[in-house]
Amino acid sequence: SYLATESILPSNARNLWLRPGRVAYARISLAFP
């Protein structure tokens, strides 16, 4: 159980990943210097 205060305090957006249950992800970030 957890109240996501980051939705109330946008300064804590770094904590938006904090969720019950496992989450797997893949990401590709491309840059063209």
All heavy atoms as atom14 arrays in JSON, in Angstrom:
{
  "sequence": "SYLATESILPSNARNLWLRPGRVAYARISLAFP",
  "atom14_mask": [
    [1, 1, 1, 1, 1, 1, 0, 0, 0, 0, 0, 0, 0, 0],
    [1, 1, 1, 1, 1, 1, 1, 1, 1, 1, 1, 1, 0, 0],
    [1, 1, 1, 1, 1, 1, 1, 1, 0, 0, 0, 0, 0, 0],
    [1, 1, 1, 1, 1, 0, 0, 0, 0, 0, 0, 0, 0, 0],
    [1, 1, 1, 1, 1, 1, 1, 0, 0, 0, 0, 0, 0, 0],
    [1, 1, 1, 1, 1, 1, 1, 1, 1, 0, 0, 0, 0, 0],
    [1, 1, 1, 1, 1, 1, 0, 0, 0, 0, 0, 0, 0, 0],
    [1, 1, 1, 1, 1, 1, 1, 1, 0, 0, 0, 0, 0, 0],
    [1, 1, 1, 1, 1, 1, 1, 1, 0, 0, 0, 0, 0, 0],
    [1, 1, 1, 1, 1, 1, 1, 0, 0, 0, 0, 0, 0, 0],
    [1, 1, 1, 1, 1, 1, 0, 0, 0, 0, 0, 0, 0, 0],
    [1, 1, 1, 1, 1, 1, 1, 1, 0, 0, 0, 0, 0, 0],
    [1, 1, 1, 1, 1, 0, 0, 0, 0, 0, 0, 0, 0, 0],
    [1, 1, 1, 1, 1, 1, 1, 1, 1, 1, 1, 0, 0, 0],
    [1, 1, 1, 1, 1, 1, 1, 1, 0, 0, 0, 0, 0, 0],
    [1, 1, 1, 1, 1, 1, 1, 1, 0, 0, 0, 0, 0, 0],
    [1, 1, 1, 1, 1, 1, 1, 1, 1, 1, 1, 1, 1, 1],
    [1, 1, 1, 1, 1, 1, 1, 1, 0, 0, 0, 0, 0, 0],
    [1, 1, 1, 1, 1, 1, 1, 1, 1, 1, 1, 0, 0, 0],
    [1, 1, 1, 1, 1, 1, 1, 0, 0, 0, 0, 0, 0, 0],
    [1, 1, 1, 1, 0, 0, 0, 0, 0, 0, 0, 0, 0, 0],
    [1, 1, 1, 1, 1, 1, 1, 1, 1, 1, 1, 0, 0, 0],
    [1, 1, 1, 1, 1, 1, 1, 0, 0, 0, 0, 0, 0, 0],
    [1, 1, 1, 1, 1, 0, 0, 0, 0, 0, 0, 0, 0, 0],
    [1, 1, 1, 1, 1, 1, 1, 1, 1, 1, 1, 1, 0, 0],
    [1, 1, 1, 1, 1, 0, 0, 0, 0, 0, 0, 0, 0, 0],
    [1, 1, 1, 1, 1, 1, 1, 1, 1, 1, 1, 0, 0, 0],
    [1, 1, 1, 1, 1, 1, 1, 1, 0, 0, 0, 0, 0, 0],
    [1, 1, 1, 1, 1, 1, 0, 0, 0, 0, 0, 0, 0, 0],
    [1, 1, 1, 1, 1, 1, 1, 1, 0, 0, 0, 0, 0, 0],
    [1, 1, 1, 1, 1, 0, 0, 0, 0, 0, 0, 0, 0, 0],
    [1, 1, 1, 1, 1, 1, 1, 1, 1, 1, 1, 0, 0, 0],
    [1, 1, 1, 1, 1, 1, 1, 0, 0, 0, 0, 0, 0, 0]
  ],
  "atom14_positions": [
    [[0.86, -1.18, 0.0], [0.0, 0.0, 0.0], [0.9, 1.23, 0.0], [1.92, 1.27, 0.69], [-0.89, 0.01, 1.24], [-1.79, -1.08, 1.23], [0.0, 0.0, 0.0], [0.0, 0.0, 0.0], [0.0, 0.0, 0.0], [0.0, 0.0, 0.0], [0.0, 0.0, 0.0], [0.0, 0.0, 0.0], [0.0, 0.0, 0.0], [0.0, 0.0, 0.0]],
    [[0.5, 2.25, -0.75], [1.36, 3.44, -0.86], [0.56, 4.57, -1.49], [-0.12, 4.37, -2.5], [2.59, 3.11, -1.71], [3.51, 4.29, -1.97], [4.24, 4.88, -0.95], [3.65, 4.79, -3.26], [5.08, 5.94, -1.21], [4.49, 5.86, -3.52], [5.2, 6.43, -2.5], [6.03, 7.48, -2.74], [0.0, 0.0, 0.0], [0.0, 0.0, 0.0]],
    [[0.64, 5.76, -0.91], [0.07, 6.96, -1.5], [1.16, 7.66, -2.3], [2.18, 8.05, -1.75], [-0.47, 7.9, -0.42], [-1.0, 9.23, -0.95], [-2.35, 9.04, -1.63], [-1.11, 10.26, 0.16], [0.0, 0.0, 0.0], [0.0, 0.0, 0.0], [0.0, 0.0, 0.0], [0.0, 0.0, 0.0], [0.0, 0.0, 0.0], [0.0, 0.0, 0.0]],
    [[0.95, 7.8, -3.59], [1.97, 8.37, -4.47], [1.99, 9.88, -4.32], [1.29, 10.6, -5.04], [1.71, 7.97, -5.92], [0.0, 0.0, 0.0], [0.0, 0.0, 0.0], [0.0, 0.0, 0.0], [0.0, 0.0, 0.0], [0.0, 0.0, 0.0], [0.0, 0.0, 0.0], [0.0, 0.0, 0.0], [0.0, 0.0, 0.0], [0.0, 0.0, 0.0]],
    [[2.78, 10.37, -3.38], [2.86, 11.82, -3.16], [3.5, 12.54, -4.33], [3.38, 13.75, -4.45], [3.64, 12.13, -1.88], [4.95, 11.54, -1.96], [2.93, 11.57, -0.66], [0.0, 0.0, 0.0], [0.0, 0.0, 0.0], [0.0, 0.0, 0.0], [0.0, 0.0, 0.0], [0.0, 0.0, 0.0], [0.0, 0.0, 0.0], [0.0, 0.0, 0.0]],
    [[4.21, 11.81, -5.22], [4.81, 12.47, -6.37], [3.76, 13.03, -7.31], [4.05, 13.93, -8.1], [5.75, 11.52, -7.13], [5.13, 10.2, -7.51], [5.38, 9.16, -6.46], [5.63, 9.51, -5.3], [5.32, 7.97, -6.79], [0.0, 0.0, 0.0], [0.0, 0.0, 0.0], [0.0, 0.0, 0.0], [0.0, 0.0, 0.0], [0.0, 0.0, 0.0]],
    [[2.51, 12.5, -7.26], [1.44, 13.1, -8.06], [0.98, 14.42, -7.45], [0.33, 15.22, -8.11], [0.26, 12.13, -8.17], [-0.3, 11.89, -6.89], [0.0, 0.0, 0.0], [0.0, 0.0, 0.0], [0.0, 0.0, 0.0], [0.0, 0.0, 0.0], [0.0, 0.0, 0.0], [0.0, 0.0, 0.0], [0.0, 0.0, 0.0], [0.0, 0.0, 0.0]],
    [[1.3, 14.64, -6.16], [0.96, 15.88, -5.47], [2.13, 16.85, -5.5], [1.95, 18.06, -5.61], [0.56, 15.57, -4.02], [-0.59, 14.55, -4.01], [0.18, 16.83, -3.25], [-0.79, 13.9, -2.67], [0.0, 0.0, 0.0], [0.0, 0.0, 0.0], [0.0, 0.0, 0.0], [0.0, 0.0, 0.0], [0.0, 0.0, 0.0], [0.0, 0.0, 0.0]],
    [[3.36, 16.3, -5.42], [4.56, 17.12, -5.44], [5.34, 16.82, -6.71], [6.12, 15.87, -6.76], [5.45, 16.81, -4.22], [4.81, 17.01, -2.85], [5.75, 16.52, -1.77], [4.45, 18.46, -2.63], [0.0, 0.0, 0.0], [0.0, 0.0, 0.0], [0.0, 0.0, 0.0], [0.0, 0.0, 0.0], [0.0, 0.0, 0.0], [0.0, 0.0, 0.0]],
    [[5.14, 17.59, -7.77], [5.84, 17.3, -9.02], [7.35, 17.33, -8.9], [8.06, 16.82, -9.76], [5.34, 18.39, -9.96], [4.04, 18.82, -9.38], [4.2, 18.69, -7.9], [0.0, 0.0, 0.0], [0.0, 0.0, 0.0], [0.0, 0.0, 0.0], [0.0, 0.0, 0.0], [0.0, 0.0, 0.0], [0.0, 0.0, 0.0], [0.0, 0.0, 0.0]],
    [[7.88, 17.94, -7.84], [9.33, 17.93, -7.64], [9.84, 16.53, -7.41], [11.04, 16.26, -7.55], [9.7, 18.81, -6.44], [9.09, 18.32, -5.26], [0.0, 0.0, 0.0], [0.0, 0.0, 0.0], [0.0, 0.0, 0.0], [0.0, 0.0, 0.0], [0.0, 0.0, 0.0], [0.0, 0.0, 0.0], [0.0, 0.0, 0.0], [0.0, 0.0, 0.0]],
    [[8.95, 15.58, -7.05], [9.37, 14.22, -6.78], [9.03, 13.29, -7.94], [8.77, 12.11, -7.75], [8.7, 13.69, -5.5], [9.22, 14.42, -4.29], [10.38, 14.81, -4.27], [8.39, 14.6, -3.29], [0.0, 0.0, 0.0], [0.0, 0.0, 0.0], [0.0, 0.0, 0.0], [0.0, 0.0, 0.0], [0.0, 0.0, 0.0], [0.0, 0.0, 0.0]],
    [[9.04, 13.81, -9.16], [8.67, 12.98, -10.3], [9.63, 11.8, -10.48], [9.31, 10.83, -11.14], [8.66, 13.82, -11.58], [0.0, 0.0, 0.0], [0.0, 0.0, 0.0], [0.0, 0.0, 0.0], [0.0, 0.0, 0.0], [0.0, 0.0, 0.0], [0.0, 0.0, 0.0], [0.0, 0.0, 0.0], [0.0, 0.0, 0.0], [0.0, 0.0, 0.0]],
    [[10.82, 11.88, -9.87], [11.76, 10.76, -9.97], [11.22, 9.51, -9.32], [11.73, 8.41, -9.54], [13.09, 11.14, -9.33], [13.0, 11.46, -7.84], [14.35, 11.88, -7.29], [14.29, 12.15, -5.86], [13.94, 13.31, -5.34], [13.6, 14.29, -6.14], [13.92, 13.5, -4.03], [0.0, 0.0, 0.0], [0.0, 0.0, 0.0], [0.0, 0.0, 0.0]],
    [[10.17, 9.63, -8.48], [9.61, 8.47, -7.79], [8.39, 7.88, -8.49], [7.71, 7.02, -7.93], [9.23, 8.86, -6.35], [10.43, 9.26, -5.53], [11.47, 8.61, -5.59], [10.32, 10.34, -4.78], [0.0, 0.0, 0.0], [0.0, 0.0, 0.0], [0.0, 0.0, 0.0], [0.0, 0.0, 0.0], [0.0, 0.0, 0.0], [0.0, 0.0, 0.0]],
    [[8.09, 8.33, -9.72], [6.89, 7.84, -10.4], [6.98, 6.35, -10.71], [5.98, 5.72, -11.0], [6.67, 8.64, -11.69], [6.17, 10.07, -11.5], [6.14, 10.8, -12.83], [4.79, 10.09, -10.87], [0.0, 0.0, 0.0], [0.0, 0.0, 0.0], [0.0, 0.0, 0.0], [0.0, 0.0, 0.0], [0.0, 0.0, 0.0], [0.0, 0.0, 0.0]],
    [[8.18, 5.78, -10.7], [8.33, 4.35, -10.98], [7.85, 3.49, -9.82], [7.73, 2.27, -9.95], [9.81, 4.04, -11.23], [10.7, 4.57, -10.14], [11.36, 5.77, -10.14], [10.98, 3.96, -8.88], [12.03, 5.94, -8.96], [11.82, 4.84, -8.17], [10.62, 2.75, -8.29], [12.29, 4.56, -6.89], [11.09, 2.48, -7.02], [11.92, 3.37, -6.34]],
    [[7.6, 4.07, -8.66], [7.3, 3.29, -7.45], [5.88, 2.74, -7.54], [4.91, 3.43, -7.24], [7.48, 4.19, -6.23], [7.65, 3.5, -4.88], [8.83, 2.55, -4.89], [7.83, 4.54, -3.78], [0.0, 0.0, 0.0], [0.0, 0.0, 0.0], [0.0, 0.0, 0.0], [0.0, 0.0, 0.0], [0.0, 0.0, 0.0], [0.0, 0.0, 0.0]],
    [[5.76, 1.48, -7.95], [4.47, 0.84, -8.13], [4.53, -0.6, -7.66], [5.55, -1.28, -7.82], [4.06, 0.85, -9.62], [3.73, 2.23, -10.18], [2.43, 2.75, -9.6], [2.02, 4.01, -10.17], [2.38, 5.19, -9.72], [3.19, 5.27, -8.68], [1.94, 6.3, -10.28], [0.0, 0.0, 0.0], [0.0, 0.0, 0.0], [0.0, 0.0, 0.0]],
    [[3.43, -1.13, -7.08], [3.41, -2.55, -6.73], [3.37, -3.4, -7.98], [2.77, -3.03, -8.99], [2.12, -2.69, -5.91], [1.26, -1.56, -6.35], [2.2, -0.44, -6.7], [0.0, 0.0, 0.0], [0.0, 0.0, 0.0], [0.0, 0.0, 0.0], [0.0, 0.0, 0.0], [0.0, 0.0, 0.0], [0.0, 0.0, 0.0], [0.0, 0.0, 0.0]],
    [[4.02, -4.57, -7.93], [4.05, -5.45, -9.09], [5.29, -5.21, -9.95], [5.79, -4.09, -10.07], [0.0, 0.0, 0.0], [0.0, 0.0, 0.0], [0.0, 0.0, 0.0], [0.0, 0.0, 0.0], [0.0, 0.0, 0.0], [0.0, 0.0, 0.0], [0.0, 0.0, 0.0], [0.0, 0.0, 0.0], [0.0, 0.0, 0.0], [0.0, 0.0, 0.0]],
    [[5.81, -6.28, -10.54], [7.02, -6.22, -11.35], [6.73, -5.58, -12.71], [5.7, -5.85, -13.34], [7.57, -7.63, -11.54], [8.88, -7.7, -12.31], [9.31, -9.14, -12.58], [9.54, -9.86, -11.33], [8.8, -10.87, -10.91], [7.77, -11.28, -11.64], [9.07, -11.48, -9.76], [0.0, 0.0, 0.0], [0.0, 0.0, 0.0], [0.0, 0.0, 0.0]],
    [[7.64, -4.73, -13.17], [7.53, -4.08, -14.48], [8.86, -4.24, -15.21], [9.9, -3.8, -14.72], [7.18, -2.59, -14.36], [7.18, -1.93, -15.74], [5.84, -2.4, -13.68], [0.0, 0.0, 0.0], [0.0, 0.0, 0.0], [0.0, 0.0, 0.0], [0.0, 0.0, 0.0], [0.0, 0.0, 0.0], [0.0, 0.0, 0.0], [0.0, 0.0, 0.0]],
    [[8.82, -4.87, -16.38], [10.01, -4.99, -17.24], [9.87, -4.03, -18.41], [8.76, -3.79, -18.9], [10.18, -6.42, -17.73], [0.0, 0.0, 0.0], [0.0, 0.0, 0.0], [0.0, 0.0, 0.0], [0.0, 0.0, 0.0], [0.0, 0.0, 0.0], [0.0, 0.0, 0.0], [0.0, 0.0, 0.0], [0.0, 0.0, 0.0], [0.0, 0.0, 0.0]],
    [[10.98, -3.49, -18.89], [10.92, -2.51, -19.97], [12.15, -2.61, -20.85], [13.2, -3.15, -20.46], [10.79, -1.09, -19.41], [11.99, -0.63, -18.61], [13.08, 0.0, -19.24], [12.06, -0.82, -17.24], [14.18, 0.41, -18.52], [13.15, -0.41, -16.5], [14.21, 0.21, -17.15], [15.31, 0.61, -16.43], [0.0, 0.0, 0.0], [0.0, 0.0, 0.0]],
    [[12.02, -2.08, -22.06], [13.13, -1.92, -22.99], [13.0, -0.55, -23.63], [11.89, -0.07, -23.87], [13.12, -3.01, -24.06], [0.0, 0.0, 0.0], [0.0, 0.0, 0.0], [0.0, 0.0, 0.0], [0.0, 0.0, 0.0], [0.0, 0.0, 0.0], [0.0, 0.0, 0.0], [0.0, 0.0, 0.0], [0.0, 0.0, 0.0], [0.0, 0.0, 0.0]],
    [[14.13, 0.1, -23.88], [14.09, 1.47, -24.39], [15.25, 1.69, -25.36], [16.37, 1.24, -25.11], [14.19, 2.45, -23.22], [14.15, 3.92, -23.64], [14.36, 4.85, -22.47], [13.33, 4.67, -21.45], [13.57, 4.29, -20.21], [14.8, 4.02, -19.82], [12.58, 4.17, -19.33], [0.0, 0.0, 0.0], [0.0, 0.0, 0.0], [0.0, 0.0, 0.0]],
    [[14.97, 2.37, -26.44], [16.0, 2.78, -27.41], [15.94, 4.29, -27.52], [14.89, 4.86, -27.83], [15.8, 2.12, -28.78], [15.88, 0.6, -28.66], [16.84, 2.63, -29.77], [15.61, -0.12, -29.98], [0.0, 0.0, 0.0], [0.0, 0.0, 0.0], [0.0, 0.0, 0.0], [0.0, 0.0, 0.0], [0.0, 0.0, 0.0], [0.0, 0.0, 0.0]],
    [[17.06, 4.96, -27.28], [17.16, 6.41, -27.41], [18.22, 6.71, -28.47], [19.37, 6.28, -28.33], [17.55, 7.06, -26.07], [16.62, 6.73, -25.06], [0.0, 0.0, 0.0], [0.0, 0.0, 0.0], [0.0, 0.0, 0.0], [0.0, 0.0, 0.0], [0.0, 0.0, 0.0], [0.0, 0.0, 0.0], [0.0, 0.0, 0.0], [0.0, 0.0, 0.0]],
    [[17.82, 7.43, -29.51], [18.72, 7.72, -30.61], [19.02, 9.22, -30.69], [18.15, 10.04, -30.41], [18.12, 7.27, -31.94], [17.82, 5.76, -32.08], [17.17, 5.47, -33.42], [19.09, 4.95, -31.9], [0.0, 0.0, 0.0], [0.0, 0.0, 0.0], [0.0, 0.0, 0.0], [0.0, 0.0, 0.0], [0.0, 0.0, 0.0], [0.0, 0.0, 0.0]],
    [[20.26, 9.54, -31.02], [20.68, 10.93, -31.19], [21.47, 11.03, -32.48], [22.17, 10.09, -32.89], [21.54, 11.38, -30.02], [0.0, 0.0, 0.0], [0.0, 0.0, 0.0], [0.0, 0.0, 0.0], [0.0, 0.0, 0.0], [0.0, 0.0, 0.0], [0.0, 0.0, 0.0], [0.0, 0.0, 0.0], [0.0, 0.0, 0.0], [0.0, 0.0, 0.0]],
    [[21.36, 12.16, -33.15], [22.03, 12.36, -34.42], [22.87, 13.63, -34.33], [22.42, 14.73, -34.65], [21.0, 12.48, -35.55], [20.1, 11.27, -35.65], [18.87, 11.27, -35.03], [20.51, 10.14, -36.33], [18.04, 10.17, -35.11], [19.69, 9.03, -36.41], [18.46, 9.04, -35.81], [0.0, 0.0, 0.0], [0.0, 0.0, 0.0], [0.0, 0.0, 0.0]],
    [[24.11, 13.47, -33.83], [24.95, 14.65, -33.61], [25.34, 15.3, -34.93], [25.32, 14.7, -35.98], [26.16, 14.1, -32.86], [26.19, 12.65, -33.17], [24.78, 12.22, -33.44], [0.0, 0.0, 0.0], [0.0, 0.0, 0.0], [0.0, 0.0, 0.0], [0.0, 0.0, 0.0], [0.0, 0.0, 0.0], [0.0, 0.0, 0.0], [0.0, 0.0, 0.0]]
  ]
}
